[in-house]
Amino acid sequence: MKFKAEIDVMPHDALLDPQGKAVTNSMKNVGLPEIEGVRIGKHIRLFVDADSLESANNKVDEACKKMLANQIMESYSFSVSQL
């Protein structure tokens, strides 16, 4: 079976996010001073062949731990759906 995974990777809240801070500071310049606390992460979509939803979830979790997220600096969440 084929599954689609949607993964979000974000820096840990305790860590500085220079890119997010720069965007937050720029919001005033574009007339949006009420927006604050921007954090920049990444969104990853991938497809996986697996025998079951549970197996697909396990494979996606393993991919996140091994390659897609640096667990020292980032957290991740994902959802998997069958195509």
PDB file of N, CA and C in Angstrom:
ATOM      1  N   MET A   1       0.846  -1.181   0.000  1.00  0.00           N
ATOM      2  CA  MET A   1       0.000   0.000   0.000  1.00  0.00           C
ATOM      3  C   MET A   1       0.890   1.242   0.000  1.00  0.00           C
ATOM      4  N   LYS A   2       0.354   2.319  -0.532  1.00  0.00           N
ATOM      5  CA  LYS A   2       1.092   3.566  -0.590  1.00  0.00           C
ATOM      6  C   LYS A   2       0.462   4.562   0.383  1.00  0.00           C
ATOM      7  N   PHE A   3       1.339   5.277   1.106  1.00  0.00           N
ATOM      8  CA  PHE A   3       0.907   6.253   2.092  1.00  0.00           C
ATOM      9  C   PHE A   3       1.595   7.579   1.837  1.00  0.00           C
ATOM     10  N   LYS A   4       0.931   8.651   2.263  1.00  0.00           N
ATOM     11  CA  LYS A   4       1.504   9.997   2.185  1.00  0.00           C
ATOM     12  C   LYS A   4       1.738  10.487   3.607  1.00  0.00           C
ATOM     13  N   ALA A   5       2.918  11.044   3.857  1.00  0.00           N
ATOM     14  CA  ALA A   5       3.243  11.601   5.171  1.00  0.00           C
ATOM     15  C   ALA A   5       3.452  13.108   5.033  1.00  0.00           C
ATOM     16  N   GLU A   6       2.921  13.840   5.982  1.00  0.00           N
ATOM     17  CA  GLU A   6       3.121  15.286   6.094  1.00  0.00           C
ATOM     18  C   GLU A   6       3.852  15.505   7.410  1.00  0.00           C
ATOM     19  N   ILE A   7       5.050  16.061   7.343  1.00  0.00           N
ATOM     20  CA  ILE A   7       5.927  16.192   8.507  1.00  0.00           C
ATOM     21  C   ILE A   7       6.230  17.659   8.753  1.00  0.00           C
ATOM     22  N   ASP A   8       6.133  18.085  10.001  1.00  0.00           N
ATOM     23  CA  ASP A   8       6.529  19.433  10.403  1.00  0.00           C
ATOM     24  C   ASP A   8       7.695  19.330  11.363  1.00  0.00           C
ATOM     25  N   VAL A   9       8.751  20.077  11.068  1.00  0.00           N
ATOM     26  CA  VAL A   9       9.945  20.115  11.911  1.00  0.00           C
ATOM     27  C   VAL A   9      10.130  21.558  12.367  1.00  0.00           C
ATOM     28  N   MET A  10      10.247  21.745  13.683  1.00  0.00           N
ATOM     29  CA  MET A  10      10.376  23.089  14.261  1.00  0.00           C
ATOM     30  C   MET A  10      11.526  23.132  15.258  1.00  0.00           C
ATOM     31  N   PRO A  11      12.186  24.292  15.372  1.00  0.00           N
ATOM     32  CA  PRO A  11      13.217  24.406  16.409  1.00  0.00           C
ATOM     33  C   PRO A  11      12.566  24.331  17.789  1.00  0.00           C
ATOM     34  N   HIS A  12      13.290  23.766  18.760  1.00  0.00           N
ATOM     35  CA  HIS A  12      12.780  23.715  20.130  1.00  0.00           C
ATOM     36  C   HIS A  12      12.510  25.135  20.619  1.00  0.00           C
ATOM     37  N   ASP A  13      11.471  25.304  21.428  1.00  0.00           N
ATOM     38  CA  ASP A  13      11.100  26.621  21.936  1.00  0.00           C
ATOM     39  C   ASP A  13      12.223  27.279  22.731  1.00  0.00           C
ATOM     40  N   ALA A  14      13.045  26.481  23.408  1.00  0.00           N
ATOM     41  CA  ALA A  14      14.111  27.037  24.244  1.00  0.00           C
ATOM     42  C   ALA A  14      15.287  27.573  23.425  1.00  0.00           C
ATOM     43  N   LEU A  15      15.346  27.243  22.129  1.00  0.00           N
ATOM     44  CA  LEU A  15      16.460  27.679  21.298  1.00  0.00           C
ATOM     45  C   LEU A  15      16.126  28.960  20.543  1.00  0.00           C
ATOM     46  N   LEU A  16      17.157  29.743  20.294  1.00  0.00           N
ATOM     47  CA  LEU A  16      16.985  30.944  19.486  1.00  0.00           C
ATOM     48  C   LEU A  16      16.636  30.549  18.057  1.00  0.00           C
ATOM     49  N   ASP A  17      15.835  31.367  17.416  1.00  0.00           N
ATOM     50  CA  ASP A  17      15.465  31.160  16.016  1.00  0.00           C
ATOM     51  C   ASP A  17      15.758  32.467  15.286  1.00  0.00           C
ATOM     52  N   PRO A  18      16.996  32.675  14.816  1.00  0.00           N
ATOM     53  CA  PRO A  18      17.360  33.951  14.203  1.00  0.00           C
ATOM     54  C   PRO A  18      16.501  34.307  12.992  1.00  0.00           C
ATOM     55  N   GLN A  19      16.142  33.304  12.199  1.00  0.00           N
ATOM     56  CA  GLN A  19      15.304  33.561  11.030  1.00  0.00           C
ATOM     57  C   GLN A  19      13.916  34.023  11.464  1.00  0.00           C
ATOM     58  N   GLY A  20      13.358  33.362  12.462  1.00  0.00           N
ATOM     59  CA  GLY A  20      12.052  33.764  12.983  1.00  0.00           C
ATOM     60  C   GLY A  20      12.095  35.152  13.601  1.00  0.00           C
ATOM     61  N   LYS A  21      13.176  35.449  14.308  1.00  0.00           N
ATOM     62  CA  LYS A  21      13.318  36.778  14.919  1.00  0.00           C
ATOM     63  C   LYS A  21      13.393  37.861  13.848  1.00  0.00           C
ATOM     64  N   ALA A  22      14.137  37.608  12.773  1.00  0.00           N
ATOM     65  CA  ALA A  22      14.237  38.581  11.684  1.00  0.00           C
ATOM     66  C   ALA A  22      12.865  38.830  11.051  1.00  0.00           C
ATOM     67  N   VAL A  23      12.093  37.772  10.854  1.00  0.00           N
ATOM     68  CA  VAL A  23      10.755  37.930  10.278  1.00  0.00           C
ATOM     69  C   VAL A  23       9.849  38.691  11.244  1.00  0.00           C
ATOM     70  N   THR A  24       9.925  38.360  12.535  1.00  0.00           N
ATOM     71  CA  THR A  24       9.136  39.072  13.542  1.00  0.00           C
ATOM     72  C   THR A  24       9.440  40.561  13.496  1.00  0.00           C
ATOM     73  N   ASN A  25      10.727  40.910  13.471  1.00  0.00           N
ATOM     74  CA  ASN A  25      11.123  42.322  13.445  1.00  0.00           C
ATOM     75  C   ASN A  25      10.669  43.014  12.169  1.00  0.00           C
ATOM     76  N   SER A  26      10.618  42.286  11.065  1.00  0.00           N
ATOM     77  CA  SER A  26      10.210  42.873   9.785  1.00  0.00           C
ATOM     78  C   SER A  26       8.706  43.097   9.692  1.00  0.00           C
ATOM     79  N   MET A  27       7.941  42.436  10.533  1.00  0.00           N
ATOM     80  CA  MET A  27       6.486  42.600  10.480  1.00  0.00           C
ATOM     81  C   MET A  27       6.081  44.056  10.705  1.00  0.00           C
ATOM     82  N   LYS A  28       6.807  44.781  11.565  1.00  0.00           N
ATOM     83  CA  LYS A  28       6.509  46.209  11.798  1.00  0.00           C
ATOM     84  C   LYS A  28       6.654  46.995  10.502  1.00  0.00           C
ATOM     85  N   ASN A  29       7.670  46.639   9.706  1.00  0.00           N
ATOM     86  CA  ASN A  29       7.956  47.371   8.464  1.00  0.00           C
ATOM     87  C   ASN A  29       6.896  47.163   7.387  1.00  0.00           C
ATOM     88  N   VAL A  30       6.136  46.095   7.476  1.00  0.00           N
ATOM     89  CA  VAL A  30       5.086  45.839   6.479  1.00  0.00           C
ATOM     90  C   VAL A  30       3.694  46.120   7.042  1.00  0.00           C
ATOM     91  N   GLY A  31       3.660  46.842   8.154  1.00  0.00           N
ATOM     92  CA  GLY A  31       2.379  47.255   8.713  1.00  0.00           C
ATOM     93  C   GLY A  31       1.673  46.216   9.542  1.00  0.00           C
ATOM     94  N   LEU A  32       2.396  45.255  10.088  1.00  0.00           N
ATOM     95  CA  LEU A  32       1.786  44.206  10.901  1.00  0.00           C
ATOM     96  C   LEU A  32       2.482  44.099  12.266  1.00  0.00           C
ATOM     97  N   PRO A  33       2.488  45.180  13.034  1.00  0.00           N
ATOM     98  CA  PRO A  33       3.207  45.156  14.321  1.00  0.00           C
ATOM     99  C   PRO A  33       2.582  44.221  15.356  1.00  0.00           C
ATOM    100  N   GLU A  34       1.343  43.811  15.143  1.00  0.00           N
ATOM    101  CA  GLU A  34       0.677  42.932  16.098  1.00  0.00           C
ATOM    102  C   GLU A  34       1.131  41.478  15.982  1.00  0.00           C
ATOM    103  N   ILE A  35       1.884  41.145  14.933  1.00  0.00           N
ATOM    104  CA  ILE A  35       2.400  39.780  14.778  1.00  0.00           C
ATOM    105  C   ILE A  35       3.743  39.682  15.477  1.00  0.00           C
ATOM    106  N   GLU A  36       3.875  38.675  16.330  1.00  0.00           N
ATOM    107  CA  GLU A  36       5.120  38.494  17.073  1.00  0.00           C
ATOM    108  C   GLU A  36       5.375  37.013  17.307  1.00  0.00           C
ATOM    109  N   GLY A  37       6.565  36.696  17.749  1.00  0.00           N
ATOM    110  CA  GLY A  37       6.896  35.318  18.105  1.00  0.00           C
ATOM    111  C   GLY A  37       6.954  34.363  16.930  1.00  0.00           C
ATOM    112  N   VAL A  38       7.363  34.845  15.762  1.00  0.00           N
ATOM    113  CA  VAL A  38       7.440  33.978  14.585  1.00  0.00           C
ATOM    114  C   VAL A  38       8.547  32.943  14.777  1.00  0.00           C
ATOM    115  N   ARG A  39       8.253  31.708  14.456  1.00  0.00           N
ATOM    116  CA  ARG A  39       9.237  30.619  14.474  1.00  0.00           C
ATOM    117  C   ARG A  39       9.228  29.997  13.074  1.00  0.00           C
ATOM    118  N   ILE A  40      10.393  29.778  12.515  1.00  0.00           N
ATOM    119  CA  ILE A  40      10.503  29.233  11.166  1.00  0.00           C
ATOM    120  C   ILE A  40      10.956  27.776  11.254  1.00  0.00           C
ATOM    121  N   GLY A  41      10.230  26.914  10.594  1.00  0.00           N
ATOM    122  CA  GLY A  41      10.575  25.496  10.549  1.00  0.00           C
ATOM    123  C   GLY A  41      10.528  25.009   9.118  1.00  0.00           C
ATOM    124  N   LYS A  42      10.269  23.723   8.948  1.00  0.00           N
ATOM    125  CA  LYS A  42      10.165  23.178   7.602  1.00  0.00           C
ATOM    126  C   LYS A  42       9.024  22.160   7.550  1.00  0.00           C
ATOM    127  N   HIS A  43       8.462  22.066   6.370  1.00  0.00           N
ATOM    128  CA  HIS A  43       7.389  21.109   6.118  1.00  0.00           C
ATOM    129  C   HIS A  43       7.886  20.145   5.054  1.00  0.00           C
ATOM    130  N   ILE A  44       7.731  18.866   5.306  1.00  0.00           N
ATOM    131  CA  ILE A  44       8.209  17.827   4.397  1.00  0.00           C
ATOM    132  C   ILE A  44       7.040  16.911   4.046  1.00  0.00           C
ATOM    133  N   ARG A  45       6.893  16.624   2.767  1.00  0.00           N
ATOM    134  CA  ARG A  45       5.892  15.654   2.316  1.00  0.00           C
ATOM    135  C   ARG A  45       6.650  14.522   1.650  1.00  0.00           C
ATOM    136  N   LEU A  46       6.269  13.304   1.987  1.00  0.00           N
ATOM    137  CA  LEU A  46       6.898  12.156   1.343  1.00  0.00           C
ATOM    138  C   LEU A  46       5.890  11.039   1.192  1.00  0.00           C
ATOM    139  N   PHE A  47       6.247  10.085   0.351  1.00  0.00           N
ATOM    140  CA  PHE A  47       5.395   8.934   0.102  1.00  0.00           C
ATOM    141  C   PHE A  47       6.166   7.684   0.509  1.00  0.00           C
ATOM    142  N   VAL A  48       5.462   6.727   1.077  1.00  0.00           N
ATOM    143  CA  VAL A  48       6.111   5.509   1.566  1.00  0.00           C
ATOM    144  C   VAL A  48       5.251   4.293   1.217  1.00  0.00           C
ATOM    145  N   ASP A  49       5.916   3.241   0.802  1.00  0.00           N
ATOM    146  CA  ASP A  49       5.249   1.956   0.591  1.00  0.00           C
ATOM    147  C   ASP A  49       5.359   1.160   1.881  1.00  0.00           C
ATOM    148  N   ALA A  50       4.249   0.650   2.360  1.00  0.00           N
ATOM    149  CA  ALA A  50       4.245  -0.133   3.596  1.00  0.00           C
ATOM    150  C   ALA A  50       3.057  -1.091   3.570  1.00  0.00           C
ATOM    151  N   ASP A  51       3.131  -2.114   4.423  1.00  0.00           N
ATOM    152  CA  ASP A  51       2.076  -3.123   4.485  1.00  0.00           C
ATOM    153  C   ASP A  51       0.856  -2.643   5.264  1.00  0.00           C
ATOM    154  N   SER A  52       1.060  -1.656   6.159  1.00  0.00           N
ATOM    155  CA  SER A  52      -0.047  -1.176   6.990  1.00  0.00           C
ATOM    156  C   SER A  52       0.227   0.260   7.417  1.00  0.00           C
ATOM    157  N   LEU A  53      -0.792   0.895   7.966  1.00  0.00           N
ATOM    158  CA  LEU A  53      -0.637   2.255   8.482  1.00  0.00           C
ATOM    159  C   LEU A  53       0.377   2.283   9.617  1.00  0.00           C
ATOM    160  N   GLU A  54       0.334   1.289  10.474  1.00  0.00           N
ATOM    161  CA  GLU A  54       1.280   1.220  11.590  1.00  0.00           C
ATOM    162  C   GLU A  54       2.721   1.130  11.082  1.00  0.00           C
ATOM    163  N   SER A  55       2.936   0.309  10.082  1.00  0.00           N
ATOM    164  CA  SER A  55       4.268   0.170   9.497  1.00  0.00           C
ATOM    165  C   SER A  55       4.713   1.477   8.841  1.00  0.00           C
ATOM    166  N   ALA A  56       3.801   2.149   8.149  1.00  0.00           N
ATOM    167  CA  ALA A  56       4.118   3.438   7.527  1.00  0.00           C
ATOM    168  C   ALA A  56       4.493   4.462   8.594  1.00  0.00           C
ATOM    169  N   ASN A  57       3.728   4.496   9.686  1.00  0.00           N
ATOM    170  CA  ASN A  57       4.052   5.416  10.787  1.00  0.00           C
ATOM    171  C   ASN A  57       5.439   5.135  11.347  1.00  0.00           C
ATOM    172  N   ASN A  58       5.758   3.871  11.525  1.00  0.00           N
ATOM    173  CA  ASN A  58       7.074   3.495  12.049  1.00  0.00           C
ATOM    174  C   ASN A  58       8.195   3.921  11.109  1.00  0.00           C
ATOM    175  N   LYS A  59       8.001   3.749   9.805  1.00  0.00           N
ATOM    176  CA  LYS A  59       9.014   4.128   8.829  1.00  0.00           C
ATOM    177  C   LYS A  59       9.209   5.641   8.799  1.00  0.00           C
ATOM    178  N   VAL A  60       8.125   6.391   8.870  1.00  0.00           N
ATOM    179  CA  VAL A  60       8.228   7.851   8.866  1.00  0.00           C
ATOM    180  C   VAL A  60       8.915   8.332  10.143  1.00  0.00           C
ATOM    181  N   ASP A  61       8.547   7.758  11.278  1.00  0.00           N
ATOM    182  CA  ASP A  61       9.193   8.127  12.535  1.00  0.00           C
ATOM    183  C   ASP A  61      10.698   7.853  12.471  1.00  0.00           C
ATOM    184  N   GLU A  62      11.072   6.719  11.920  1.00  0.00           N
ATOM    185  CA  GLU A  62      12.489   6.368  11.790  1.00  0.00           C
ATOM    186  C   GLU A  62      13.211   7.361  10.868  1.00  0.00           C
ATOM    187  N   ALA A  63      12.569   7.745   9.768  1.00  0.00           N
ATOM    188  CA  ALA A  63      13.172   8.718   8.853  1.00  0.00           C
ATOM    189  C   ALA A  63      13.386  10.063   9.541  1.00  0.00           C
ATOM    190  N   CYS A  64      12.418  10.463  10.356  1.00  0.00           N
ATOM    191  CA  CYS A  64      12.554  11.722  11.095  1.00  0.00           C
ATOM    192  C   CYS A  64      13.720  11.650  12.066  1.00  0.00           C
ATOM    193  N   LYS A  65      13.809  10.564  12.797  1.00  0.00           N
ATOM    194  CA  LYS A  65      14.871  10.419  13.798  1.00  0.00           C
ATOM    195  C   LYS A  65      16.250  10.307  13.157  1.00  0.00           C
ATOM    196  N   LYS A  66      16.341   9.633  12.021  1.00  0.00           N
ATOM    197  CA  LYS A  66      17.649   9.378  11.409  1.00  0.00           C
ATOM    198  C   LYS A  66      18.129  10.486  10.479  1.00  0.00           C
ATOM    199  N   MET A  67      17.190  11.223   9.856  1.00  0.00           N
ATOM    200  CA  MET A  67      17.636  12.154   8.836  1.00  0.00           C
ATOM    201  C   MET A  67      16.897  13.494   8.791  1.00  0.00           C
ATOM    202  N   LEU A  68      15.608  13.493   8.992  1.00  0.00           N
ATOM    203  CA  LEU A  68      14.831  14.695   8.708  1.00  0.00           C
ATOM    204  C   LEU A  68      14.834  15.731   9.824  1.00  0.00           C
ATOM    205  N   ALA A  69      15.065  15.313  11.063  1.00  0.00           N
ATOM    206  CA  ALA A  69      15.066  16.251  12.189  1.00  0.00           C
ATOM    207  C   ALA A  69      16.298  16.017  13.053  1.00  0.00           C
ATOM    208  N   ASN A  70      16.902  17.099  13.476  1.00  0.00           N
ATOM    209  CA  ASN A  70      18.004  17.038  14.439  1.00  0.00           C
ATOM    210  C   ASN A  70      17.372  17.135  15.818  1.00  0.00           C
ATOM    211  N   GLN A  71      17.229  16.020  16.501  1.00  0.00           N
ATOM    212  CA  GLN A  71      16.467  15.988  17.751  1.00  0.00           C
ATOM    213  C   GLN A  71      17.104  16.806  18.875  1.00  0.00           C
ATOM    214  N   ILE A  72      18.358  17.168  18.745  1.00  0.00           N
ATOM    215  CA  ILE A  72      18.983  18.031  19.746  1.00  0.00           C
ATOM    216  C   ILE A  72      18.418  19.439  19.640  1.00  0.00           C
ATOM    217  N   MET A  73      18.115  19.872  18.415  1.00  0.00           N
ATOM    218  CA  MET A  73      17.676  21.251  18.188  1.00  0.00           C
ATOM    219  C   MET A  73      16.231  21.375  17.714  1.00  0.00           C
ATOM    220  N   GLU A  74      15.633  20.274  17.266  1.00  0.00           N
ATOM    221  CA  GLU A  74      14.320  20.355  16.638  1.00  0.00           C
ATOM    222  C   GLU A  74      13.368  19.292  17.176  1.00  0.00           C
ATOM    223  N   SER A  75      12.095  19.619  17.098  1.00  0.00           N
ATOM    224  CA  SER A  75      11.048  18.639  17.374  1.00  0.00           C
ATOM    225  C   SER A  75      10.300  18.400  16.060  1.00  0.00           C
ATOM    226  N   TYR A  76       9.570  17.300  15.999  1.00  0.00           N
ATOM    227  CA  TYR A  76       8.826  17.008  14.776  1.00  0.00           C
ATOM    228  C   TYR A  76       7.486  16.385  15.128  1.00  0.00           C
ATOM    229  N   SER A  77       6.566  16.534  14.203  1.00  0.00           N
ATOM    230  CA  SER A  77       5.274  15.861  14.279  1.00  0.00           C
ATOM    231  C   SER A  77       4.896  15.475  12.858  1.00  0.00           C
ATOM    232  N   PHE A  78       4.059  14.464  12.730  1.00  0.00           N
ATOM    233  CA  PHE A  78       3.675  14.035  11.394  1.00  0.00           C
ATOM    234  C   PHE A  78       2.321  13.365  11.400  1.00  0.00           C
ATOM    235  N   SER A  79       1.744  13.317  10.214  1.00  0.00           N
ATOM    236  CA  SER A  79       0.523  12.543  10.008  1.00  0.00           C
ATOM    237  C   SER A  79       0.726  11.709   8.753  1.00  0.00           C
ATOM    238  N   VAL A  80       0.145  10.524   8.758  1.00  0.00           N
ATOM    239  CA  VAL A  80       0.264   9.600   7.644  1.00  0.00           C
ATOM    240  C   VAL A  80      -1.132   9.207   7.197  1.00  0.00           C
ATOM    241  N   SER A  81      -1.364   9.236   5.896  1.00  0.00           N
ATOM    242  CA  SER A  81      -2.673   8.830   5.376  1.00  0.00           C
ATOM    243  C   SER A  81      -2.470   7.922   4.172  1.00  0.00           C
ATOM    244  N   GLN A  82      -3.399   7.007   4.000  1.00  0.00           N
ATOM    245  CA  GLN A  82      -3.319   6.065   2.871  1.00  0.00           C
ATOM    246  C   GLN A  82      -3.808   6.764   1.615  1.00  0.00           C
ATOM    247  N   LEU A  83      -3.153   6.483   0.509  1.00  0.00           N
ATOM    248  CA  LEU A  83      -3.585   7.058  -0.779  1.00  0.00           C
ATOM    249  C   LEU A  83      -4.638   6.200  -1.420  1.00  0.00           C
TER     250      LEU A  83
END
